[in-house]
All heavy atoms as atom14 arrays in JSON, in Angstrom:
{
  "sequence": "SFVTGQVDFLRVPPEFTDFAAPGGKLAPNLARKGVTLRRYVNPDRTM",
  "atom14_mask": [
    [1, 1, 1, 1, 1, 1, 0, 0, 0, 0, 0, 0, 0, 0],
    [1, 1, 1, 1, 1, 1, 1, 1, 1, 1, 1, 0, 0, 0],
    [1, 1, 1, 1, 1, 1, 1, 0, 0, 0, 0, 0, 0, 0],
    [1, 1, 1, 1, 1, 1, 1, 0, 0, 0, 0, 0, 0, 0],
    [1, 1, 1, 1, 0, 0, 0, 0, 0, 0, 0, 0, 0, 0],
    [1, 1, 1, 1, 1, 1, 1, 1, 1, 0, 0, 0, 0, 0],
    [1, 1, 1, 1, 1, 1, 1, 0, 0, 0, 0, 0, 0, 0],
    [1, 1, 1, 1, 1, 1, 1, 1, 0, 0, 0, 0, 0, 0],
    [1, 1, 1, 1, 1, 1, 1, 1, 1, 1, 1, 0, 0, 0],
    [1, 1, 1, 1, 1, 1, 1, 1, 0, 0, 0, 0, 0, 0],
    [1, 1, 1, 1, 1, 1, 1, 1, 1, 1, 1, 0, 0, 0],
    [1, 1, 1, 1, 1, 1, 1, 0, 0, 0, 0, 0, 0, 0],
    [1, 1, 1, 1, 1, 1, 1, 0, 0, 0, 0, 0, 0, 0],
    [1, 1, 1, 1, 1, 1, 1, 0, 0, 0, 0, 0, 0, 0],
    [1, 1, 1, 1, 1, 1, 1, 1, 1, 0, 0, 0, 0, 0],
    [1, 1, 1, 1, 1, 1, 1, 1, 1, 1, 1, 0, 0, 0],
    [1, 1, 1, 1, 1, 1, 1, 0, 0, 0, 0, 0, 0, 0],
    [1, 1, 1, 1, 1, 1, 1, 1, 0, 0, 0, 0, 0, 0],
    [1, 1, 1, 1, 1, 1, 1, 1, 1, 1, 1, 0, 0, 0],
    [1, 1, 1, 1, 1, 0, 0, 0, 0, 0, 0, 0, 0, 0],
    [1, 1, 1, 1, 1, 0, 0, 0, 0, 0, 0, 0, 0, 0],
    [1, 1, 1, 1, 1, 1, 1, 0, 0, 0, 0, 0, 0, 0],
    [1, 1, 1, 1, 0, 0, 0, 0, 0, 0, 0, 0, 0, 0],
    [1, 1, 1, 1, 0, 0, 0, 0, 0, 0, 0, 0, 0, 0],
    [1, 1, 1, 1, 1, 1, 1, 1, 1, 0, 0, 0, 0, 0],
    [1, 1, 1, 1, 1, 1, 1, 1, 0, 0, 0, 0, 0, 0],
    [1, 1, 1, 1, 1, 0, 0, 0, 0, 0, 0, 0, 0, 0],
    [1, 1, 1, 1, 1, 1, 1, 0, 0, 0, 0, 0, 0, 0],
    [1, 1, 1, 1, 1, 1, 1, 1, 0, 0, 0, 0, 0, 0],
    [1, 1, 1, 1, 1, 1, 1, 1, 0, 0, 0, 0, 0, 0],
    [1, 1, 1, 1, 1, 0, 0, 0, 0, 0, 0, 0, 0, 0],
    [1, 1, 1, 1, 1, 1, 1, 1, 1, 1, 1, 0, 0, 0],
    [1, 1, 1, 1, 1, 1, 1, 1, 1, 0, 0, 0, 0, 0],
    [1, 1, 1, 1, 0, 0, 0, 0, 0, 0, 0, 0, 0, 0],
    [1, 1, 1, 1, 1, 1, 1, 0, 0, 0, 0, 0, 0, 0],
    [1, 1, 1, 1, 1, 1, 1, 0, 0, 0, 0, 0, 0, 0],
    [1, 1, 1, 1, 1, 1, 1, 1, 0, 0, 0, 0, 0, 0],
    [1, 1, 1, 1, 1, 1, 1, 1, 1, 1, 1, 0, 0, 0],
    [1, 1, 1, 1, 1, 1, 1, 1, 1, 1, 1, 0, 0, 0],
    [1, 1, 1, 1, 1, 1, 1, 1, 1, 1, 1, 1, 0, 0],
    [1, 1, 1, 1, 1, 1, 1, 0, 0, 0, 0, 0, 0, 0],
    [1, 1, 1, 1, 1, 1, 1, 1, 0, 0, 0, 0, 0, 0],
    [1, 1, 1, 1, 1, 1, 1, 0, 0, 0, 0, 0, 0, 0],
    [1, 1, 1, 1, 1, 1, 1, 1, 0, 0, 0, 0, 0, 0],
    [1, 1, 1, 1, 1, 1, 1, 1, 1, 1, 1, 0, 0, 0],
    [1, 1, 1, 1, 1, 1, 1, 0, 0, 0, 0, 0, 0, 0],
    [1, 1, 1, 1, 1, 1, 1, 1, 0, 0, 0, 0, 0, 0]
  ],
  "atom14_positions": [
    [[43.68, -96.34, 50.9], [43.71, -95.49, 51.96], [42.98, -96.04, 53.19], [43.32, -95.7, 54.4], [42.83, -94.15, 51.54], [41.65, -94.45, 51.39], [0.0, 0.0, 0.0], [0.0, 0.0, 0.0], [0.0, 0.0, 0.0], [0.0, 0.0, 0.0], [0.0, 0.0, 0.0], [0.0, 0.0, 0.0], [0.0, 0.0, 0.0], [0.0, 0.0, 0.0]],
    [[42.08, -96.98, 52.99], [41.47, -97.64, 54.15], [42.32, -98.67, 54.6], [42.54, -98.91, 55.9], [40.09, -98.28, 53.69], [39.56, -98.98, 54.82], [38.58, -98.28, 55.87], [39.52, -100.37, 54.89], [38.2, -99.02, 56.87], [38.86, -101.1, 56.0], [38.17, -100.39, 56.96], [0.0, 0.0, 0.0], [0.0, 0.0, 0.0], [0.0, 0.0, 0.0]],
    [[42.95, -99.48, 53.78], [43.77, -100.69, 54.17], [44.89, -100.14, 55.09], [45.33, -100.82, 55.96], [44.3, -101.44, 52.85], [45.39, -102.44, 53.32], [43.17, -102.04, 52.27], [0.0, 0.0, 0.0], [0.0, 0.0, 0.0], [0.0, 0.0, 0.0], [0.0, 0.0, 0.0], [0.0, 0.0, 0.0], [0.0, 0.0, 0.0], [0.0, 0.0, 0.0]],
    [[45.51, -99.08, 54.67], [46.59, -98.37, 55.39], [46.25, -97.71, 56.64], [47.02, -96.95, 57.32], [47.59, -97.63, 54.44], [46.69, -96.59, 53.91], [48.15, -98.45, 53.4], [0.0, 0.0, 0.0], [0.0, 0.0, 0.0], [0.0, 0.0, 0.0], [0.0, 0.0, 0.0], [0.0, 0.0, 0.0], [0.0, 0.0, 0.0], [0.0, 0.0, 0.0]],
    [[44.86, -97.54, 56.84], [44.48, -96.85, 58.13], [44.29, -95.31, 57.92], [44.2, -94.66, 58.95], [0.0, 0.0, 0.0], [0.0, 0.0, 0.0], [0.0, 0.0, 0.0], [0.0, 0.0, 0.0], [0.0, 0.0, 0.0], [0.0, 0.0, 0.0], [0.0, 0.0, 0.0], [0.0, 0.0, 0.0], [0.0, 0.0, 0.0], [0.0, 0.0, 0.0]],
    [[44.42, -94.89, 56.8], [44.37, -93.38, 56.53], [42.92, -92.83, 56.45], [42.75, -91.53, 56.55], [45.21, -92.92, 55.35], [46.6, -93.35, 55.5], [47.54, -92.8, 54.31], [47.58, -91.63, 54.2], [48.04, -93.69, 53.6], [0.0, 0.0, 0.0], [0.0, 0.0, 0.0], [0.0, 0.0, 0.0], [0.0, 0.0, 0.0], [0.0, 0.0, 0.0]],
    [[41.92, -93.65, 56.28], [40.5, -93.19, 56.29], [39.85, -94.24, 57.37], [40.24, -95.27, 57.45], [39.8, -93.13, 55.04], [40.44, -92.15, 54.06], [39.71, -94.5, 54.4], [0.0, 0.0, 0.0], [0.0, 0.0, 0.0], [0.0, 0.0, 0.0], [0.0, 0.0, 0.0], [0.0, 0.0, 0.0], [0.0, 0.0, 0.0], [0.0, 0.0, 0.0]],
    [[38.78, -93.72, 58.09], [38.23, -94.51, 59.15], [37.17, -95.36, 58.71], [36.82, -96.2, 59.41], [37.81, -93.46, 60.19], [38.85, -92.61, 60.83], [39.97, -93.2, 61.03], [38.62, -91.36, 61.17], [0.0, 0.0, 0.0], [0.0, 0.0, 0.0], [0.0, 0.0, 0.0], [0.0, 0.0, 0.0], [0.0, 0.0, 0.0], [0.0, 0.0, 0.0]],
    [[36.55, -95.12, 57.59], [35.37, -95.84, 57.04], [35.35, -95.72, 55.63], [35.83, -94.7, 55.02], [34.12, -95.55, 57.76], [33.96, -94.15, 58.03], [33.57, -93.24, 56.96], [34.14, -93.61, 59.36], [33.51, -91.88, 57.29], [33.86, -92.22, 59.55], [33.63, -91.34, 58.65], [0.0, 0.0, 0.0], [0.0, 0.0, 0.0], [0.0, 0.0, 0.0]],
    [[34.78, -96.64, 54.89], [34.79, -96.62, 53.42], [33.75, -97.41, 52.83], [33.39, -98.45, 53.33], [36.24, -97.11, 52.87], [36.35, -96.93, 51.43], [36.69, -95.43, 51.11], [37.51, -97.83, 50.91], [0.0, 0.0, 0.0], [0.0, 0.0, 0.0], [0.0, 0.0, 0.0], [0.0, 0.0, 0.0], [0.0, 0.0, 0.0], [0.0, 0.0, 0.0]],
    [[33.17, -96.9, 51.8], [32.34, -97.69, 50.91], [33.21, -98.35, 49.89], [33.88, -97.7, 48.99], [31.21, -96.8, 50.22], [30.32, -97.57, 49.3], [29.09, -96.88, 49.16], [28.32, -96.69, 50.37], [27.6, -95.73, 50.72], [27.32, -94.72, 49.85], [26.87, -95.74, 51.91], [0.0, 0.0, 0.0], [0.0, 0.0, 0.0], [0.0, 0.0, 0.0]],
    [[33.34, -99.73, 49.91], [34.25, -100.36, 49.2], [33.96, -100.14, 47.75], [32.96, -100.34, 47.18], [34.32, -101.92, 49.49], [35.31, -102.61, 48.64], [34.59, -102.07, 50.93], [0.0, 0.0, 0.0], [0.0, 0.0, 0.0], [0.0, 0.0, 0.0], [0.0, 0.0, 0.0], [0.0, 0.0, 0.0], [0.0, 0.0, 0.0], [0.0, 0.0, 0.0]],
    [[35.07, -99.74, 46.92], [34.89, -99.57, 45.5], [34.46, -100.94, 45.0], [34.97, -102.0, 45.33], [36.2, -99.19, 45.02], [36.98, -98.59, 46.12], [36.37, -99.29, 47.31], [0.0, 0.0, 0.0], [0.0, 0.0, 0.0], [0.0, 0.0, 0.0], [0.0, 0.0, 0.0], [0.0, 0.0, 0.0], [0.0, 0.0, 0.0], [0.0, 0.0, 0.0]],
    [[33.62, -101.08, 43.91], [33.14, -102.29, 43.42], [34.23, -103.27, 43.07], [34.19, -104.52, 43.23], [32.29, -101.91, 42.16], [31.83, -100.44, 42.54], [32.91, -99.83, 43.17], [0.0, 0.0, 0.0], [0.0, 0.0, 0.0], [0.0, 0.0, 0.0], [0.0, 0.0, 0.0], [0.0, 0.0, 0.0], [0.0, 0.0, 0.0], [0.0, 0.0, 0.0]],
    [[35.3, -102.72, 42.47], [36.36, -103.66, 41.97], [37.22, -104.22, 43.05], [38.0, -105.09, 42.79], [37.31, -102.77, 40.95], [38.01, -101.67, 41.62], [37.33, -100.22, 41.52], [35.98, -100.35, 41.44], [37.94, -99.3, 41.33], [0.0, 0.0, 0.0], [0.0, 0.0, 0.0], [0.0, 0.0, 0.0], [0.0, 0.0, 0.0], [0.0, 0.0, 0.0]],
    [[36.99, -103.79, 44.34], [37.65, -104.3, 45.52], [36.67, -105.15, 46.35], [37.13, -105.36, 47.44], [38.38, -103.36, 46.13], [39.63, -102.79, 45.41], [39.54, -101.71, 44.66], [40.81, -103.48, 45.52], [40.63, -101.28, 43.91], [41.91, -103.03, 44.84], [41.87, -101.89, 43.98], [0.0, 0.0, 0.0], [0.0, 0.0, 0.0], [0.0, 0.0, 0.0]],
    [[35.47, -105.37, 45.93], [34.62, -105.96, 46.77], [35.08, -107.47, 47.14], [34.86, -107.91, 48.29], [33.16, -106.19, 46.11], [32.65, -104.85, 45.82], [32.08, -106.99, 46.96], [0.0, 0.0, 0.0], [0.0, 0.0, 0.0], [0.0, 0.0, 0.0], [0.0, 0.0, 0.0], [0.0, 0.0, 0.0], [0.0, 0.0, 0.0], [0.0, 0.0, 0.0]],
    [[35.58, -108.06, 46.15], [36.2, -109.45, 46.46], [37.37, -109.5, 47.53], [37.62, -110.43, 48.06], [36.58, -110.23, 45.19], [35.31, -110.59, 44.4], [34.26, -110.53, 44.95], [35.6, -110.69, 43.09], [0.0, 0.0, 0.0], [0.0, 0.0, 0.0], [0.0, 0.0, 0.0], [0.0, 0.0, 0.0], [0.0, 0.0, 0.0], [0.0, 0.0, 0.0]],
    [[38.01, -108.34, 47.56], [39.17, -108.3, 48.46], [38.49, -108.03, 49.85], [39.08, -108.57, 50.83], [40.06, -107.03, 48.19], [40.96, -107.29, 46.97], [40.57, -107.12, 45.62], [42.31, -107.7, 47.21], [41.44, -107.36, 44.62], [43.03, -107.88, 46.1], [42.67, -107.74, 44.76], [0.0, 0.0, 0.0], [0.0, 0.0, 0.0], [0.0, 0.0, 0.0]],
    [[37.64, -107.24, 50.0], [36.99, -106.89, 51.31], [35.99, -107.95, 51.84], [36.14, -108.26, 53.04], [36.25, -105.52, 51.26], [0.0, 0.0, 0.0], [0.0, 0.0, 0.0], [0.0, 0.0, 0.0], [0.0, 0.0, 0.0], [0.0, 0.0, 0.0], [0.0, 0.0, 0.0], [0.0, 0.0, 0.0], [0.0, 0.0, 0.0], [0.0, 0.0, 0.0]],
    [[35.3, -108.56, 50.95], [34.23, -109.42, 51.34], [34.11, -110.59, 50.32], [32.97, -110.68, 49.71], [32.91, -108.62, 51.54], [0.0, 0.0, 0.0], [0.0, 0.0, 0.0], [0.0, 0.0, 0.0], [0.0, 0.0, 0.0], [0.0, 0.0, 0.0], [0.0, 0.0, 0.0], [0.0, 0.0, 0.0], [0.0, 0.0, 0.0], [0.0, 0.0, 0.0]],
    [[34.99, -111.53, 50.24], [34.82, -112.61, 49.31], [33.62, -113.46, 49.79], [33.54, -113.88, 50.99], [36.22, -113.3, 49.5], [36.85, -112.89, 50.8], [36.31, -111.42, 51.01], [0.0, 0.0, 0.0], [0.0, 0.0, 0.0], [0.0, 0.0, 0.0], [0.0, 0.0, 0.0], [0.0, 0.0, 0.0], [0.0, 0.0, 0.0], [0.0, 0.0, 0.0]],
    [[32.78, -113.73, 48.79], [31.53, -114.57, 49.18], [30.66, -113.82, 50.01], [29.86, -114.56, 50.73], [0.0, 0.0, 0.0], [0.0, 0.0, 0.0], [0.0, 0.0, 0.0], [0.0, 0.0, 0.0], [0.0, 0.0, 0.0], [0.0, 0.0, 0.0], [0.0, 0.0, 0.0], [0.0, 0.0, 0.0], [0.0, 0.0, 0.0], [0.0, 0.0, 0.0]],
    [[30.78, -112.52, 50.2], [29.99, -111.79, 51.04], [30.32, -111.66, 52.63], [29.63, -111.15, 53.26], [0.0, 0.0, 0.0], [0.0, 0.0, 0.0], [0.0, 0.0, 0.0], [0.0, 0.0, 0.0], [0.0, 0.0, 0.0], [0.0, 0.0, 0.0], [0.0, 0.0, 0.0], [0.0, 0.0, 0.0], [0.0, 0.0, 0.0], [0.0, 0.0, 0.0]],
    [[31.4, -112.36, 52.88], [31.87, -112.34, 54.16], [33.21, -111.58, 54.37], [33.95, -111.5, 53.4], [32.13, -113.72, 54.72], [30.82, -114.56, 54.66], [31.12, -115.96, 55.33], [29.79, -116.73, 55.38], [30.01, -118.19, 56.05], [0.0, 0.0, 0.0], [0.0, 0.0, 0.0], [0.0, 0.0, 0.0], [0.0, 0.0, 0.0], [0.0, 0.0, 0.0]],
    [[33.47, -110.84, 55.47], [34.65, -110.05, 55.7], [35.85, -110.96, 55.55], [36.01, -112.06, 56.07], [34.53, -109.36, 57.12], [35.7, -108.5, 57.4], [35.64, -107.23, 56.62], [35.63, -108.19, 59.03], [0.0, 0.0, 0.0], [0.0, 0.0, 0.0], [0.0, 0.0, 0.0], [0.0, 0.0, 0.0], [0.0, 0.0, 0.0], [0.0, 0.0, 0.0]],
    [[36.78, -110.47, 54.8], [38.05, -111.04, 54.48], [38.77, -111.37, 55.79], [38.89, -110.48, 56.68], [38.92, -110.22, 53.63], [0.0, 0.0, 0.0], [0.0, 0.0, 0.0], [0.0, 0.0, 0.0], [0.0, 0.0, 0.0], [0.0, 0.0, 0.0], [0.0, 0.0, 0.0], [0.0, 0.0, 0.0], [0.0, 0.0, 0.0], [0.0, 0.0, 0.0]],
    [[39.32, -112.61, 55.99], [40.05, -112.97, 57.24], [41.12, -111.85, 57.7], [41.15, -111.52, 58.8], [40.57, -114.34, 56.87], [39.78, -114.85, 55.79], [39.36, -113.59, 54.99], [0.0, 0.0, 0.0], [0.0, 0.0, 0.0], [0.0, 0.0, 0.0], [0.0, 0.0, 0.0], [0.0, 0.0, 0.0], [0.0, 0.0, 0.0], [0.0, 0.0, 0.0]],
    [[41.88, -111.33, 56.7], [42.97, -110.41, 57.12], [42.37, -109.15, 57.77], [42.93, -108.47, 58.65], [43.84, -110.12, 55.84], [43.28, -109.38, 54.86], [42.06, -109.85, 54.32], [43.66, -108.2, 54.34], [0.0, 0.0, 0.0], [0.0, 0.0, 0.0], [0.0, 0.0, 0.0], [0.0, 0.0, 0.0], [0.0, 0.0, 0.0], [0.0, 0.0, 0.0]],
    [[41.17, -108.74, 57.2], [40.52, -107.5, 57.73], [39.79, -107.85, 59.17], [39.84, -107.1, 60.11], [39.5, -107.03, 56.82], [40.01, -106.41, 55.44], [38.81, -106.07, 54.56], [41.03, -105.35, 55.68], [0.0, 0.0, 0.0], [0.0, 0.0, 0.0], [0.0, 0.0, 0.0], [0.0, 0.0, 0.0], [0.0, 0.0, 0.0], [0.0, 0.0, 0.0]],
    [[39.36, -108.98, 59.27], [38.65, -109.5, 60.46], [39.72, -109.58, 61.65], [39.43, -109.13, 62.57], [37.97, -110.84, 60.28], [0.0, 0.0, 0.0], [0.0, 0.0, 0.0], [0.0, 0.0, 0.0], [0.0, 0.0, 0.0], [0.0, 0.0, 0.0], [0.0, 0.0, 0.0], [0.0, 0.0, 0.0], [0.0, 0.0, 0.0], [0.0, 0.0, 0.0]],
    [[40.86, -110.05, 61.37], [41.93, -110.11, 62.33], [42.29, -108.74, 62.89], [42.65, -108.6, 64.07], [43.1, -110.91, 61.77], [42.96, -112.29, 61.55], [44.37, -112.97, 61.33], [44.9, -112.59, 60.14], [44.71, -113.27, 58.91], [43.9, -114.28, 58.86], [45.33, -112.84, 57.79], [0.0, 0.0, 0.0], [0.0, 0.0, 0.0], [0.0, 0.0, 0.0]],
    [[42.16, -107.7, 62.06], [42.44, -106.35, 62.45], [41.34, -105.69, 63.28], [41.44, -104.65, 63.84], [42.63, -105.39, 61.19], [43.99, -105.78, 60.56], [44.26, -104.8, 59.36], [45.53, -105.06, 58.73], [45.74, -104.09, 57.58], [0.0, 0.0, 0.0], [0.0, 0.0, 0.0], [0.0, 0.0, 0.0], [0.0, 0.0, 0.0], [0.0, 0.0, 0.0]],
    [[40.11, -106.41, 63.24], [38.99, -105.8, 63.96], [38.17, -104.95, 63.15], [37.14, -104.21, 63.68], [0.0, 0.0, 0.0], [0.0, 0.0, 0.0], [0.0, 0.0, 0.0], [0.0, 0.0, 0.0], [0.0, 0.0, 0.0], [0.0, 0.0, 0.0], [0.0, 0.0, 0.0], [0.0, 0.0, 0.0], [0.0, 0.0, 0.0], [0.0, 0.0, 0.0]],
    [[38.32, -104.97, 61.7], [37.43, -104.25, 60.91], [36.17, -104.8, 60.89], [35.87, -106.05, 61.07], [38.08, -104.37, 59.42], [37.02, -103.72, 58.45], [39.37, -103.45, 59.43], [0.0, 0.0, 0.0], [0.0, 0.0, 0.0], [0.0, 0.0, 0.0], [0.0, 0.0, 0.0], [0.0, 0.0, 0.0], [0.0, 0.0, 0.0], [0.0, 0.0, 0.0]],
    [[35.14, -104.02, 60.8], [33.62, -104.48, 60.63], [33.1, -104.2, 59.37], [33.57, -103.35, 58.65], [32.81, -103.79, 61.76], [32.87, -102.39, 61.61], [33.29, -104.09, 63.27], [0.0, 0.0, 0.0], [0.0, 0.0, 0.0], [0.0, 0.0, 0.0], [0.0, 0.0, 0.0], [0.0, 0.0, 0.0], [0.0, 0.0, 0.0], [0.0, 0.0, 0.0]],
    [[32.16, -105.11, 58.92], [31.49, -105.07, 57.65], [30.01, -104.85, 57.7], [29.41, -105.45, 58.63], [31.89, -106.36, 56.98], [31.21, -106.71, 55.6], [31.9, -105.88, 54.44], [31.25, -108.11, 55.3], [0.0, 0.0, 0.0], [0.0, 0.0, 0.0], [0.0, 0.0, 0.0], [0.0, 0.0, 0.0], [0.0, 0.0, 0.0], [0.0, 0.0, 0.0]],
    [[29.51, -104.15, 56.73], [28.04, -104.01, 56.54], [27.71, -104.06, 55.05], [28.28, -103.24, 54.35], [27.52, -102.7, 57.19], [26.01, -102.56, 57.08], [25.47, -101.18, 57.61], [24.21, -101.0, 57.4], [23.58, -99.87, 57.09], [24.25, -98.77, 56.8], [22.25, -99.79, 56.92], [0.0, 0.0, 0.0], [0.0, 0.0, 0.0], [0.0, 0.0, 0.0]],
    [[26.71, -104.95, 54.7], [26.42, -104.98, 53.28], [24.87, -104.83, 53.18], [24.13, -105.5, 54.05], [26.72, -106.41, 52.66], [28.23, -106.56, 52.27], [28.51, -108.02, 51.86], [27.79, -108.34, 50.69], [28.17, -108.21, 49.39], [29.32, -107.47, 49.19], [27.4, -108.58, 48.31], [0.0, 0.0, 0.0], [0.0, 0.0, 0.0], [0.0, 0.0, 0.0]],
    [[24.42, -103.98, 52.23], [22.91, -103.71, 52.28], [22.66, -103.27, 50.82], [23.5, -102.7, 50.1], [22.6, -102.77, 53.32], [23.37, -101.42, 53.17], [22.86, -100.3, 52.59], [24.61, -101.36, 53.8], [23.51, -99.13, 52.51], [25.41, -100.26, 53.65], [24.91, -99.14, 53.08], [25.58, -97.95, 52.98], [0.0, 0.0, 0.0], [0.0, 0.0, 0.0]],
    [[21.42, -103.41, 50.43], [20.95, -102.91, 49.2], [20.58, -101.45, 49.46], [19.64, -101.01, 50.31], [19.64, -103.64, 48.82], [19.13, -102.97, 47.48], [19.95, -105.13, 48.35], [0.0, 0.0, 0.0], [0.0, 0.0, 0.0], [0.0, 0.0, 0.0], [0.0, 0.0, 0.0], [0.0, 0.0, 0.0], [0.0, 0.0, 0.0], [0.0, 0.0, 0.0]],
    [[21.28, -100.53, 48.77], [21.05, -99.15, 49.02], [19.73, -98.57, 48.37], [19.42, -99.14, 47.21], [22.19, -98.25, 48.53], [22.31, -96.83, 49.06], [22.2, -96.65, 50.19], [22.36, -95.86, 48.11], [0.0, 0.0, 0.0], [0.0, 0.0, 0.0], [0.0, 0.0, 0.0], [0.0, 0.0, 0.0], [0.0, 0.0, 0.0], [0.0, 0.0, 0.0]],
    [[19.04, -97.77, 48.99], [17.89, -97.08, 48.25], [18.22, -96.11, 47.23], [18.1, -94.93, 47.31], [17.06, -96.43, 49.44], [18.15, -96.07, 50.4], [19.08, -97.09, 50.32], [0.0, 0.0, 0.0], [0.0, 0.0, 0.0], [0.0, 0.0, 0.0], [0.0, 0.0, 0.0], [0.0, 0.0, 0.0], [0.0, 0.0, 0.0], [0.0, 0.0, 0.0]],
    [[18.73, -96.7, 46.1], [19.29, -95.75, 44.99], [18.85, -96.44, 43.66], [18.32, -97.51, 43.58], [20.71, -95.55, 45.09], [21.59, -96.77, 44.91], [21.11, -97.81, 44.43], [22.77, -96.85, 45.23], [0.0, 0.0, 0.0], [0.0, 0.0, 0.0], [0.0, 0.0, 0.0], [0.0, 0.0, 0.0], [0.0, 0.0, 0.0], [0.0, 0.0, 0.0]],
    [[19.39, -95.71, 42.53], [19.24, -96.31, 41.26], [20.18, -95.66, 40.43], [20.53, -94.44, 40.56], [17.85, -96.13, 40.72], [17.5, -94.57, 40.29], [16.83, -93.93, 41.42], [16.45, -92.67, 40.93], [16.61, -91.55, 41.72], [17.25, -91.57, 42.72], [16.18, -90.34, 41.17], [0.0, 0.0, 0.0], [0.0, 0.0, 0.0], [0.0, 0.0, 0.0]],
    [[20.88, -96.43, 39.62], [21.84, -95.89, 38.64], [21.23, -95.75, 37.33], [20.23, -96.59, 37.0], [23.17, -96.7, 38.53], [22.84, -98.02, 37.91], [23.87, -96.93, 39.81], [0.0, 0.0, 0.0], [0.0, 0.0, 0.0], [0.0, 0.0, 0.0], [0.0, 0.0, 0.0], [0.0, 0.0, 0.0], [0.0, 0.0, 0.0], [0.0, 0.0, 0.0]],
    [[21.59, -94.9, 36.47], [20.88, -94.72, 35.18], [21.71, -94.09, 34.14], [22.73, -93.39, 34.37], [19.74, -93.73, 35.5], [20.01, -92.29, 35.85], [18.85, -91.38, 36.85], [19.39, -91.75, 38.41], [0.0, 0.0, 0.0], [0.0, 0.0, 0.0], [0.0, 0.0, 0.0], [0.0, 0.0, 0.0], [0.0, 0.0, 0.0], [0.0, 0.0, 0.0]]
  ]
}
């Protein structure tokens, strides 16, 4: 839904992290479109 432009922003599902940010950097195909990336440790915990 994000790739096709149907949502405006998205927290990338974990299984697609390598598609969006291989090696922690924005994928070239997304960068060419002008997509921006933000990576950060969230103040959360899973349990």
